[in-house]
Amino acid sequence: MKKIMAVLLAAMLLMSVGAVSLAEEAKTFKIGICNFVDDASLNQIIANIRDRLGEIEQERGVKIEIMEDNCNLDGSVLEQIIANFIASDVQLMVAVATPVAIAMQAKTEDSALPVVFAAVSDPVGAGLVESMEAPGANLTGTSDYLDTNAVFNLLFALNPDASKVALLYNPSEDASTAPIEAAKAILADKGVSYKEYSGANVSEVVLAADAIVADGMDAVFTPTDNTIMASELSIYETFAEAGIPHYTGADSFALNGAFLGYGVDYANLGRETGDMVAAILLDGADPAATPVKTFDNGTATVNTEICAALGLEYDAVAELFAPYCIKVQPIATAESFEDVK
């Protein structure tokens, strides 16, 4: 009996040592993710960052603790969120959208705390990195750079006689600066008149949409502007009823009722952002030497319901757009991508 007890105790001791060893192997990392605003594109990015990091936990035998918050366009709330992340000793922060990245940059420029940004349209122009290939400091990430010329190729393929184009955006959004300037140059070169309409919140964007209709514009262009994205569900019917197609810089706009969204796959962008987070946390990659990742903006997403409202057939539109895209895909109006799965 004594021998049996000794064997059992030895086995229990080995199991205990093994459990401690496993616990030690499951090293924990803490990160903070801040979203700029509750919209379909940015929410999709965060969902896919979380999914990818969950996979990495299983693949690498680690634990990644995530703190997540949303400033909802409020700069003072954003400052508090960042301060809370830092006070909580996060080892890395994720900035979703340009304003969040700029705020995190300001709070970490004197420290070694790494920041990975997601969906920053112009990282160099925003002053976040020295170059796309060599960021040069504690920030790197993924960019949703928009090929503005490609969007206008689609606009004029559908309506070669368009003579008045509305530019709808929030002038305070860094993501809109470069593509709006590019749009002006494209339209000026074609001899097409344009008028700028802006809004800093949903109410102002609704008023701008009403003005666009009143002015009888032929089409509307919006880049990857988060303020307009957050307002799309409130304005898409106004444009559809007036017969004005809304051309935009992301598929989430089309999901929320715009005629067309052209740009990156935000689900893939989120997963790639998760990979960059893991490379820095787990493998010691240096943000200063980690190139900003860009994506091929070759997919045109067309809202089939808006097609019908505009008196168009989706198949005919897809055939017309095909020479200018890598892919044309349909989507129906919904609030979030989860609603169409």
Protein backbone atom coordinates (compact mmCIF):
# COMPACT_ATOMS: atom_id res chain seq x y z
CA MET A 1 0.00 0.00 0.00
CA LYS A 2 2.85 2.36 0.86
CA LYS A 3 4.41 1.68 -2.54
CA ILE A 4 1.10 2.42 -4.29
CA MET A 5 0.70 5.68 -2.37
CA ALA A 6 4.23 6.69 -3.25
CA VAL A 7 3.58 6.03 -6.94
CA LEU A 8 0.36 8.03 -6.81
CA LEU A 9 2.05 10.95 -5.05
CA ALA A 10 4.86 10.92 -7.59
CA ALA A 11 2.34 10.95 -10.45
CA MET A 12 0.44 13.82 -8.88
CA LEU A 13 3.69 15.75 -8.43
CA LEU A 14 4.59 15.23 -12.08
CA MET A 15 1.15 16.37 -13.16
CA SER A 16 1.46 19.47 -10.96
CA VAL A 17 4.88 20.32 -12.39
CA GLY A 18 3.50 19.77 -15.88
CA ALA A 19 0.56 22.10 -15.23
CA VAL A 20 2.88 24.81 -13.92
CA SER A 21 5.08 24.34 -16.97
CA LEU A 22 2.08 24.70 -19.32
CA ALA A 23 0.93 27.79 -17.48
CA GLU A 24 4.38 29.30 -17.85
CA GLU A 25 4.38 28.49 -21.57
CA ALA A 26 1.06 30.30 -22.08
CA LYS A 27 2.63 33.73 -21.88
CA THR A 28 0.13 36.60 -21.73
CA PHE A 29 0.29 39.79 -23.79
CA LYS A 30 -1.98 42.79 -23.30
CA ILE A 31 -3.04 45.13 -26.10
CA GLY A 32 -5.48 48.01 -26.45
CA ILE A 33 -7.64 48.55 -29.54
CA CYS A 34 -9.41 51.87 -30.08
CA ASN A 35 -12.01 52.36 -32.80
CA PHE A 36 -12.74 55.82 -34.20
CA VAL A 37 -16.46 55.39 -34.85
CA ASP A 38 -19.09 52.68 -34.96
CA ASP A 39 -19.41 51.92 -38.68
CA ALA A 40 -19.50 48.79 -40.80
CA SER A 41 -15.97 49.08 -42.22
CA LEU A 42 -14.15 49.74 -38.96
CA ASN A 43 -16.22 47.20 -37.02
CA GLN A 44 -15.35 44.59 -39.64
CA ILE A 45 -11.65 45.38 -39.22
CA ILE A 46 -11.78 44.92 -35.46
CA ALA A 47 -13.78 41.69 -35.71
CA ASN A 48 -11.14 40.25 -38.02
CA ILE A 49 -8.25 41.46 -35.87
CA ARG A 50 -9.84 39.62 -32.95
CA ASP A 51 -10.45 36.50 -35.02
CA ARG A 52 -6.88 36.41 -36.30
CA LEU A 53 -5.38 36.98 -32.87
CA GLY A 54 -7.57 34.17 -31.53
CA GLU A 55 -6.11 31.87 -34.17
CA ILE A 56 -2.59 33.01 -33.29
CA GLU A 57 -3.22 32.22 -29.62
CA GLN A 58 -3.96 28.63 -30.61
CA GLU A 59 -1.09 28.44 -33.09
CA ARG A 60 1.55 29.87 -30.76
CA GLY A 61 0.33 28.74 -27.35
CA VAL A 62 0.00 32.28 -25.97
CA LYS A 63 -2.72 34.43 -24.47
CA ILE A 64 -3.50 37.84 -25.96
CA GLU A 65 -5.63 39.95 -23.65
CA ILE A 66 -7.54 42.64 -25.54
CA MET A 67 -8.84 45.90 -24.13
CA GLU A 68 -11.22 47.52 -26.63
CA ASP A 69 -12.94 50.88 -26.74
CA ASN A 70 -14.55 53.34 -29.16
CA CYS A 71 -14.23 57.13 -28.99
CA ASN A 72 -17.15 57.71 -31.42
CA LEU A 73 -15.60 60.79 -33.05
CA ASP A 74 -14.99 62.48 -29.68
CA GLY A 75 -11.41 63.74 -29.28
CA SER A 76 -11.59 64.13 -25.50
CA VAL A 77 -12.90 60.58 -25.12
CA LEU A 78 -10.11 59.37 -27.39
CA GLU A 79 -7.50 61.01 -25.15
CA GLN A 80 -9.01 59.29 -22.09
CA ILE A 81 -9.06 55.89 -23.79
CA ILE A 82 -5.39 56.15 -24.69
CA ALA A 83 -4.50 57.27 -21.17
CA ASN A 84 -6.42 54.29 -19.80
CA PHE A 85 -4.57 51.89 -22.10
CA ILE A 86 -1.20 53.28 -21.00
CA ALA A 87 -2.18 53.18 -17.31
CA SER A 88 -3.22 49.55 -17.80
CA ASP A 89 0.29 48.71 -19.05
CA VAL A 90 -0.70 47.50 -22.48
CA GLN A 91 2.28 46.28 -24.50
CA LEU A 92 0.92 47.51 -27.82
CA MET A 93 -1.90 49.74 -29.02
CA VAL A 94 -3.98 49.33 -32.18
CA ALA A 95 -5.36 52.49 -33.79
CA VAL A 96 -8.33 51.98 -36.09
CA ALA A 97 -8.50 54.99 -38.48
CA THR A 98 -6.23 57.99 -38.95
CA PRO A 99 -7.39 60.29 -36.10
CA VAL A 100 -6.82 57.51 -33.56
CA ALA A 101 -3.36 56.81 -34.97
CA ILE A 102 -2.41 60.49 -34.78
CA ALA A 103 -3.58 60.71 -31.15
CA MET A 104 -1.67 57.55 -30.19
CA GLN A 105 1.43 58.83 -31.95
CA ALA A 106 1.32 62.01 -29.87
CA LYS A 107 1.06 60.03 -26.63
CA THR A 108 3.83 57.54 -27.41
CA GLU A 109 6.47 59.58 -29.27
CA ASP A 110 8.65 59.71 -26.15
CA SER A 111 8.23 56.03 -25.32
CA ALA A 112 8.93 52.70 -26.94
CA LEU A 113 5.29 51.60 -26.82
CA PRO A 114 4.50 50.21 -30.29
CA VAL A 115 1.39 51.27 -32.21
CA VAL A 116 -0.13 49.33 -35.11
CA PHE A 117 -2.62 51.34 -37.13
CA ALA A 118 -5.36 50.00 -39.39
CA ALA A 119 -7.17 51.68 -42.29
CA VAL A 120 -4.99 54.79 -42.50
CA SER A 121 -5.42 56.06 -46.04
CA ASP A 122 -2.31 58.26 -46.26
CA PRO A 123 0.21 57.41 -43.50
CA VAL A 124 2.95 59.60 -44.97
CA GLY A 125 0.67 62.58 -45.62
CA ALA A 126 -0.74 62.30 -42.08
CA GLY A 127 2.81 62.47 -40.69
CA LEU A 128 2.60 59.05 -39.06
CA VAL A 129 5.55 57.47 -40.90
CA GLU A 130 8.61 58.71 -42.74
CA SER A 131 7.92 56.37 -45.65
CA MET A 132 5.75 53.37 -46.43
CA GLU A 133 8.82 51.11 -46.64
CA ALA A 134 10.58 52.37 -43.50
CA PRO A 135 8.19 54.00 -41.00
CA GLY A 136 11.09 55.18 -38.85
CA ALA A 137 9.47 55.26 -35.40
CA ASN A 138 7.16 53.23 -33.15
CA LEU A 139 4.23 53.11 -35.62
CA THR A 140 3.42 50.90 -38.57
CA GLY A 141 0.29 49.21 -39.85
CA THR A 142 -2.10 48.74 -42.75
CA SER A 143 -3.34 51.31 -45.25
CA ASP A 144 -6.61 51.47 -47.16
CA TYR A 145 -5.21 53.85 -49.77
CA LEU A 146 -7.89 54.65 -52.36
CA ASP A 147 -7.27 54.65 -56.11
CA THR A 148 -9.46 57.68 -56.83
CA ASN A 149 -8.92 57.50 -60.59
CA ALA A 150 -10.31 53.95 -60.61
CA VAL A 151 -13.55 55.13 -58.99
CA PHE A 152 -13.99 57.84 -61.61
CA ASN A 153 -13.33 55.32 -64.38
CA LEU A 154 -16.43 53.51 -63.13
CA LEU A 155 -18.45 56.70 -62.79
CA PHE A 156 -17.80 57.79 -66.37
CA ALA A 157 -18.16 54.26 -67.73
CA LEU A 158 -21.76 54.28 -66.47
CA ASN A 159 -22.47 57.92 -67.23
CA PRO A 160 -20.04 59.38 -69.81
CA ASP A 161 -22.18 62.51 -70.04
CA ALA A 162 -22.00 63.38 -66.33
CA SER A 163 -21.38 67.11 -66.13
CA LYS A 164 -21.92 67.95 -62.45
CA VAL A 165 -20.32 65.83 -59.73
CA ALA A 166 -20.78 66.38 -56.00
CA LEU A 167 -17.85 65.80 -53.64
CA LEU A 168 -19.29 64.80 -50.25
CA TYR A 169 -16.89 64.53 -47.32
CA ASN A 170 -15.80 65.85 -43.93
CA PRO A 171 -12.89 68.31 -44.39
CA SER A 172 -11.58 67.36 -40.94
CA GLU A 173 -11.02 63.74 -41.98
CA ASP A 174 -7.40 63.15 -42.98
CA ALA A 175 -8.51 60.14 -45.01
CA SER A 176 -10.42 62.46 -47.36
CA THR A 177 -7.76 65.08 -48.05
CA ALA A 178 -5.69 63.37 -50.76
CA PRO A 179 -8.55 61.64 -52.64
CA ILE A 180 -10.66 64.81 -52.74
CA GLU A 181 -7.74 66.75 -54.21
CA ALA A 182 -7.23 63.92 -56.72
CA ALA A 183 -10.95 64.02 -57.59
CA LYS A 184 -10.79 67.76 -58.27
CA ALA A 185 -7.82 67.27 -60.60
CA ILE A 186 -9.51 64.41 -62.46
CA LEU A 187 -12.73 66.35 -62.97
CA ALA A 188 -10.93 69.52 -63.98
CA ASP A 189 -8.91 67.58 -66.55
CA LYS A 190 -12.16 66.20 -68.00
CA GLY A 191 -13.82 69.60 -68.02
CA VAL A 192 -16.51 68.39 -65.60
CA SER A 193 -17.80 70.82 -62.99
CA TYR A 194 -17.86 69.85 -59.33
CA LYS A 195 -19.14 71.25 -56.07
CA GLU A 196 -18.01 70.41 -52.56
CA TYR A 197 -20.51 69.47 -49.86
CA SER A 198 -19.48 68.72 -46.31
CA GLY A 199 -20.73 67.65 -42.91
CA ALA A 200 -19.11 67.04 -39.53
CA ASN A 201 -21.93 64.87 -38.16
CA VAL A 202 -24.97 62.95 -39.35
CA SER A 203 -27.33 65.93 -39.19
CA GLU A 204 -25.01 68.08 -41.29
CA VAL A 205 -24.44 65.26 -43.79
CA VAL A 206 -28.22 64.84 -44.20
CA LEU A 207 -28.51 68.55 -44.99
CA ALA A 208 -25.63 68.26 -47.47
CA ALA A 209 -27.38 65.34 -49.20
CA ASP A 210 -30.56 67.42 -49.52
CA ALA A 211 -28.50 70.24 -51.06
CA ILE A 212 -26.95 67.85 -53.58
CA VAL A 213 -30.39 66.78 -54.71
CA ALA A 214 -31.63 70.37 -54.86
CA ASP A 215 -28.63 71.29 -57.01
CA GLY A 216 -29.41 68.51 -59.48
CA MET A 217 -25.98 66.87 -59.37
CA ASP A 218 -25.39 63.91 -61.68
CA ALA A 219 -23.34 61.81 -59.25
CA VAL A 220 -21.75 61.93 -55.80
CA PHE A 221 -18.20 60.90 -54.84
CA THR A 222 -17.08 60.14 -51.28
CA PRO A 223 -13.67 58.66 -50.36
CA THR A 224 -13.03 56.50 -47.27
CA ASP A 225 -14.56 59.15 -45.03
CA ASN A 226 -15.74 57.81 -41.67
CA THR A 227 -18.18 60.66 -41.03
CA ILE A 228 -20.04 60.02 -44.28
CA MET A 229 -19.82 56.27 -43.69
CA ALA A 230 -21.52 56.71 -40.33
CA SER A 231 -24.24 58.75 -42.09
CA GLU A 232 -24.85 56.54 -45.13
CA LEU A 233 -27.91 54.78 -43.72
CA SER A 234 -29.46 58.23 -43.23
CA ILE A 235 -28.84 59.52 -46.76
CA TYR A 236 -28.91 56.63 -49.22
CA GLU A 237 -32.66 56.79 -49.81
CA THR A 238 -32.41 60.52 -50.56
CA PHE A 239 -29.95 59.84 -53.38
CA ALA A 240 -31.78 56.76 -54.66
CA GLU A 241 -35.13 58.56 -54.86
CA ALA A 242 -33.47 61.43 -56.74
CA GLY A 243 -31.78 59.04 -59.18
CA ILE A 244 -28.26 60.11 -58.14
CA PRO A 245 -25.65 57.33 -57.83
CA HIS A 246 -23.27 57.56 -54.88
CA TYR A 247 -19.73 56.35 -55.65
CA THR A 248 -17.64 55.64 -52.55
CA GLY A 249 -14.30 54.34 -51.33
CA ALA A 250 -15.34 51.20 -49.43
CA ASP A 251 -17.73 48.27 -49.73
CA SER A 252 -19.30 49.19 -46.39
CA PHE A 253 -20.86 52.26 -47.99
CA ALA A 254 -22.56 49.99 -50.55
CA LEU A 255 -23.66 47.73 -47.71
CA ASN A 256 -25.34 50.74 -46.10
CA GLY A 257 -27.06 51.86 -49.32
CA ALA A 258 -24.57 53.64 -51.59
CA PHE A 259 -24.71 52.63 -55.25
CA LEU A 260 -21.04 51.57 -55.36
CA GLY A 261 -18.13 50.93 -53.02
CA TYR A 262 -14.67 50.47 -54.46
CA GLY A 263 -11.67 49.60 -52.36
CA VAL A 264 -9.90 47.13 -50.16
CA ASP A 265 -11.26 44.01 -48.50
CA TYR A 266 -11.54 45.21 -44.90
CA ALA A 267 -11.88 41.69 -43.56
CA ASN A 268 -8.49 40.82 -45.06
CA LEU A 269 -7.04 44.14 -43.87
CA GLY A 270 -8.10 43.26 -40.32
CA ARG A 271 -6.45 39.85 -40.49
CA GLU A 272 -3.24 41.34 -41.87
CA THR A 273 -3.28 43.89 -39.06
CA GLY A 274 -3.56 41.02 -36.58
CA ASP A 275 -0.51 39.39 -38.15
CA MET A 276 1.46 42.62 -37.74
CA VAL A 277 0.45 42.83 -34.08
CA ALA A 278 1.68 39.27 -33.53
CA ALA A 279 4.96 39.87 -35.37
CA ILE A 280 5.77 42.80 -33.08
CA LEU A 281 4.57 41.23 -29.81
CA LEU A 282 5.68 37.64 -30.29
CA ASP A 283 8.59 37.87 -32.71
CA GLY A 284 10.14 41.19 -31.76
CA ALA A 285 9.59 42.87 -35.11
CA ASP A 286 10.59 46.55 -35.06
CA PRO A 287 7.76 48.89 -36.12
CA ALA A 288 10.32 51.39 -37.40
CA ALA A 289 11.55 48.85 -39.95
CA THR A 290 8.24 47.09 -40.69
CA PRO A 291 6.77 48.35 -44.00
CA VAL A 292 3.23 49.66 -44.04
CA LYS A 293 1.06 47.09 -45.81
CA THR A 294 -1.12 48.21 -48.71
CA PHE A 295 -3.74 46.30 -50.68
CA ASP A 296 -4.99 46.02 -54.23
CA ASN A 297 -8.12 48.17 -54.52
CA GLY A 298 -9.61 46.13 -57.32
CA THR A 299 -13.09 45.14 -56.13
CA ALA A 300 -16.24 47.06 -57.05
CA THR A 301 -19.19 46.29 -54.78
CA VAL A 302 -22.55 47.25 -56.28
CA ASN A 303 -25.77 47.53 -54.27
CA THR A 304 -28.39 45.58 -56.22
CA GLU A 305 -31.35 47.32 -54.56
CA ILE A 306 -29.98 50.74 -55.47
CA CYS A 307 -29.34 49.49 -59.00
CA ALA A 308 -33.03 48.75 -59.31
CA ALA A 309 -34.01 52.07 -57.73
CA LEU A 310 -31.87 53.86 -60.32
CA GLY A 311 -33.48 51.89 -63.14
CA LEU A 312 -30.39 49.79 -63.79
CA GLU A 313 -29.88 46.03 -64.10
CA TYR A 314 -27.08 44.63 -61.96
CA ASP A 315 -25.83 42.19 -64.60
CA ALA A 316 -25.53 44.99 -67.17
CA VAL A 317 -23.69 47.22 -64.67
CA ALA A 318 -21.33 44.38 -63.69
CA GLU A 319 -20.52 43.73 -67.36
CA LEU A 320 -19.88 47.44 -67.94
CA PHE A 321 -17.59 47.73 -64.90
CA ALA A 322 -15.68 44.46 -65.48
CA PRO A 323 -12.90 45.94 -67.68
CA TYR A 324 -12.05 48.44 -64.93
CA CYS A 325 -11.98 46.05 -61.96
CA ILE A 326 -10.40 42.86 -60.74
CA LYS A 327 -13.84 41.82 -59.50
CA VAL A 328 -17.42 43.11 -59.41
CA GLN A 329 -19.64 41.78 -56.64
CA PRO A 330 -23.26 42.40 -55.54
CA ILE A 331 -24.48 43.34 -52.09
CA ALA A 332 -27.86 44.09 -50.51
CA THR A 333 -28.56 46.92 -48.10
CA ALA A 334 -27.96 46.04 -44.45
CA GLU A 335 -26.65 47.67 -41.31
CA SER A 336 -23.65 45.38 -40.81
CA PHE A 337 -21.81 42.65 -42.68
CA GLU A 338 -23.02 40.12 -40.10
CA ASP A 339 -26.58 40.79 -41.31
CA VAL A 340 -25.77 39.53 -44.83
CA LYS A 341 -23.88 36.37 -43.88
